[in-house]
Amino acid sequence: MDFKSVTSRLLTAFAAEQVSYALIGGFAVSLWGHPRATVDMDFLVRQSDMVKVRRIVEGMGYRCIHVSDNVSQFASADKLKGKLDFLHAFRPASLSMLERAALKSIFDGAQHIPVVLPEDLIGLKVQAICNDPSRTSLDMSDIEALVKIFGSSLDWSRIEEYLKLFGMEEKLGNLKEHYDEA
């Protein structure tokens, strides 16, 4: 996937259409200081903007391969375009994530992109584990890396809320141990 080209086109179109979005997933984890390989781009997008998003990405040559109330996934036959996943923000927690997103510099400062905060990224990773336990190893690795990087600066009460929401509150102690080891 040509992240620079795809990102440039998306960000330009999102700005023109006033789409409310933030980067999530592996690319976001990398921007917060834990570089890792990823083959797609994941975004949190205000659900009411998804009609615009679909028009934009289909205009770029993607086709919708899955849509539900919670997520839309697009793929292109062109390997340089890769896959795009959009998590729909419509619940209070996800809408708040969009409001809190921080602008991060990408591609040596050539562009800036809103990225969900580390605590919110952890919350989304917890949700992903709940939705698909086969992702546990990769997502826990991302969570532990973010905890080691940000430690005491994290909003631990927000992380605890996410863990409780998904019935994983027993993980809090383990996460704090990873912070203590950093």
Protein backbone atom coordinates (compact mmCIF):
# COMPACT_ATOMS: atom_id res chain seq x y z
CA MET A 1 0.00 0.00 0.00
CA ASP A 2 1.30 3.45 -0.89
CA PHE A 3 0.39 5.11 2.41
CA LYS A 4 1.65 8.55 1.38
CA SER A 5 -0.38 8.75 -1.82
CA VAL A 6 -3.56 7.27 -0.32
CA THR A 7 -3.30 9.46 2.78
CA SER A 8 -2.74 12.61 0.73
CA ARG A 9 -5.81 11.98 -1.42
CA LEU A 10 -7.99 11.03 1.54
CA LEU A 11 -6.97 13.98 3.71
CA THR A 12 -7.52 16.46 0.89
CA ALA A 13 -10.99 15.04 0.16
CA PHE A 14 -11.93 14.77 3.85
CA ALA A 15 -11.01 18.43 4.37
CA ALA A 16 -12.98 19.55 1.31
CA GLU A 17 -16.04 17.57 2.48
CA GLN A 18 -15.59 18.50 6.17
CA VAL A 19 -15.47 14.85 7.27
CA SER A 20 -14.96 14.34 11.01
CA TYR A 21 -12.37 11.56 11.37
CA ALA A 22 -9.28 10.30 13.19
CA LEU A 23 -6.70 7.67 12.41
CA ILE A 24 -6.86 4.42 14.42
CA GLY A 25 -5.26 0.98 14.05
CA GLY A 26 -1.67 0.01 13.33
CA PHE A 27 -0.71 3.23 11.55
CA ALA A 28 -1.94 5.20 14.59
CA VAL A 29 0.04 2.94 16.94
CA SER A 30 3.14 3.71 14.84
CA LEU A 31 2.52 7.46 15.02
CA TRP A 32 2.38 7.22 18.82
CA GLY A 33 5.87 5.72 18.87
CA HIS A 34 5.54 1.95 18.36
CA PRO A 35 6.44 1.29 14.72
CA ARG A 36 4.89 -1.87 13.36
CA ALA A 37 3.92 -3.29 10.01
CA THR A 38 0.40 -2.77 8.73
CA VAL A 39 -1.22 -3.39 5.38
CA ASP A 40 -4.29 -1.17 5.65
CA MET A 41 -5.51 2.12 7.06
CA ASP A 42 -8.15 2.36 9.74
CA PHE A 43 -10.21 5.42 10.60
CA LEU A 44 -12.84 6.41 13.12
CA VAL A 45 -15.42 8.50 11.25
CA ARG A 46 -18.56 10.25 12.42
CA GLN A 47 -21.35 7.98 11.19
CA SER A 48 -23.24 10.90 9.64
CA ASP A 49 -20.21 11.49 7.37
CA MET A 50 -20.11 7.95 5.98
CA VAL A 51 -22.14 8.84 2.86
CA LYS A 52 -19.43 11.38 1.99
CA VAL A 53 -16.65 8.92 2.85
CA ARG A 54 -18.15 6.21 0.66
CA ARG A 55 -18.45 8.64 -2.27
CA ILE A 56 -14.82 9.74 -1.77
CA VAL A 57 -13.27 6.28 -1.54
CA GLU A 58 -15.36 4.81 -4.35
CA GLY A 59 -14.26 7.79 -6.45
CA MET A 60 -10.68 6.76 -5.69
CA GLY A 61 -11.33 3.29 -7.11
CA TYR A 62 -12.20 1.33 -3.98
CA ARG A 63 -15.20 -0.95 -3.70
CA CYS A 64 -17.18 -1.65 -0.56
CA ILE A 65 -16.58 -5.22 0.62
CA HIS A 66 -18.49 -5.02 3.91
CA VAL A 67 -20.83 -2.59 5.61
CA SER A 68 -22.71 -2.82 8.91
CA ASP A 69 -24.03 -0.39 11.49
CA ASN A 70 -20.55 -0.24 13.03
CA VAL A 71 -18.01 -0.53 10.23
CA SER A 72 -17.43 -0.09 6.50
CA GLN A 73 -14.57 -1.82 4.69
CA PHE A 74 -13.23 -0.98 1.26
CA ALA A 75 -10.65 -2.65 -0.95
CA SER A 76 -9.00 -1.94 -4.28
CA ALA A 77 -7.71 -4.34 -6.91
CA ASP A 78 -4.73 -1.97 -7.09
CA LYS A 79 -2.25 -3.22 -4.46
CA LEU A 80 -0.88 0.31 -4.07
CA LYS A 81 -4.27 1.44 -2.75
CA GLY A 82 -4.73 -1.43 -0.29
CA LYS A 83 -7.65 -1.65 2.13
CA LEU A 84 -9.46 1.05 4.09
CA ASP A 85 -11.54 0.33 7.19
CA PHE A 86 -13.88 2.88 8.75
CA LEU A 87 -15.28 2.44 12.24
CA HIS A 88 -18.52 4.43 12.54
CA ALA A 89 -18.60 6.88 15.46
CA PHE A 90 -22.12 7.35 16.79
CA ARG A 91 -21.99 6.33 20.44
CA PRO A 92 -20.93 8.90 23.06
CA ALA A 93 -17.58 7.17 23.72
CA SER A 94 -16.51 7.10 20.06
CA LEU A 95 -17.74 10.64 19.40
CA SER A 96 -15.66 11.81 22.37
CA MET A 97 -12.64 10.04 20.88
CA LEU A 98 -13.04 12.16 17.74
CA GLU A 99 -13.25 15.34 19.82
CA ARG A 100 -10.06 14.46 21.74
CA ALA A 101 -8.00 13.38 18.71
CA ALA A 102 -4.59 15.04 18.38
CA LEU A 103 -2.99 16.29 15.17
CA LYS A 104 0.16 14.34 14.35
CA SER A 105 2.76 15.11 11.71
CA ILE A 106 3.32 12.43 9.08
CA PHE A 107 5.72 11.91 6.19
CA ASP A 108 8.40 14.22 7.61
CA GLY A 109 5.91 16.99 8.32
CA ALA A 110 4.41 17.01 4.83
CA GLN A 111 0.93 16.38 6.24
CA HIS A 112 -0.94 16.41 9.53
CA ILE A 113 -3.61 13.93 10.52
CA PRO A 114 -5.91 13.64 13.54
CA VAL A 115 -5.07 10.52 15.56
CA VAL A 116 -7.04 9.17 18.51
CA LEU A 117 -5.24 9.53 21.84
CA PRO A 118 -3.28 6.55 23.21
CA GLU A 119 -5.95 5.80 25.86
CA ASP A 120 -8.65 5.77 23.20
CA LEU A 121 -6.52 3.61 20.93
CA ILE A 122 -6.15 1.20 23.85
CA GLY A 123 -9.94 1.23 24.26
CA LEU A 124 -10.43 0.39 20.58
CA LYS A 125 -7.87 -2.40 20.83
CA VAL A 126 -9.75 -3.81 23.85
CA GLN A 127 -12.96 -3.71 21.81
CA ALA A 128 -11.21 -5.46 18.90
CA ILE A 129 -10.06 -8.26 21.22
CA CYS A 130 -13.62 -8.69 22.50
CA ASN A 131 -15.04 -8.76 18.99
CA ASP A 132 -12.39 -11.14 17.62
CA PRO A 133 -10.32 -13.06 20.19
CA SER A 134 -7.98 -14.28 17.43
CA ARG A 135 -6.57 -10.70 17.43
CA THR A 136 -5.55 -10.88 21.10
CA SER A 137 -1.81 -11.36 20.56
CA LEU A 138 -1.34 -8.44 18.14
CA ASP A 139 -3.69 -6.06 19.93
CA MET A 140 -2.29 -6.82 23.40
CA SER A 141 1.20 -6.21 22.01
CA ASP A 142 0.06 -2.78 20.78
CA ILE A 143 -1.62 -2.02 24.11
CA GLU A 144 1.44 -3.03 26.12
CA ALA A 145 3.71 -0.94 23.87
CA LEU A 146 1.53 2.16 24.32
CA VAL A 147 1.49 1.61 28.09
CA LYS A 148 5.29 1.34 28.16
CA ILE A 149 5.67 4.49 26.06
CA PHE A 150 3.17 6.70 27.90
CA GLY A 151 2.96 5.16 31.40
CA SER A 152 2.06 7.78 33.99
CA SER A 153 0.82 10.29 31.41
CA LEU A 154 -2.05 7.96 30.44
CA ASP A 155 -5.54 8.61 31.76
CA TRP A 156 -5.77 5.32 33.65
CA SER A 157 -9.36 5.97 34.71
CA ARG A 158 -10.41 6.10 31.05
CA ILE A 159 -8.51 2.88 30.33
CA GLU A 160 -10.23 1.26 33.31
CA GLU A 161 -13.63 2.37 31.94
CA TYR A 162 -12.86 0.72 28.59
CA LEU A 163 -11.72 -2.49 30.26
CA LYS A 164 -14.87 -2.60 32.41
CA LEU A 165 -17.09 -1.87 29.41
CA PHE A 166 -15.75 -4.99 27.69
CA GLY A 167 -15.53 -7.18 30.80
CA MET A 168 -11.73 -7.15 30.90
CA GLU A 169 -11.10 -5.19 34.11
CA GLU A 170 -8.82 -7.98 35.38
CA LYS A 171 -6.28 -6.83 32.75
CA LEU A 172 -5.76 -3.46 34.48
CA GLY A 173 -3.21 -4.80 36.97
CA ASN A 174 -1.23 -6.50 34.21
CA LEU A 175 -1.15 -3.29 32.17
CA LYS A 176 0.06 -1.26 35.13
CA GLU A 177 2.81 -3.85 35.66
CA HIS A 178 3.99 -3.20 32.08
CA TYR A 179 4.13 0.50 32.90
CA ASP A 180 6.14 -0.22 36.05
CA GLU A 181 8.62 -2.29 34.00
CA ALA A 182 9.28 0.58 31.58
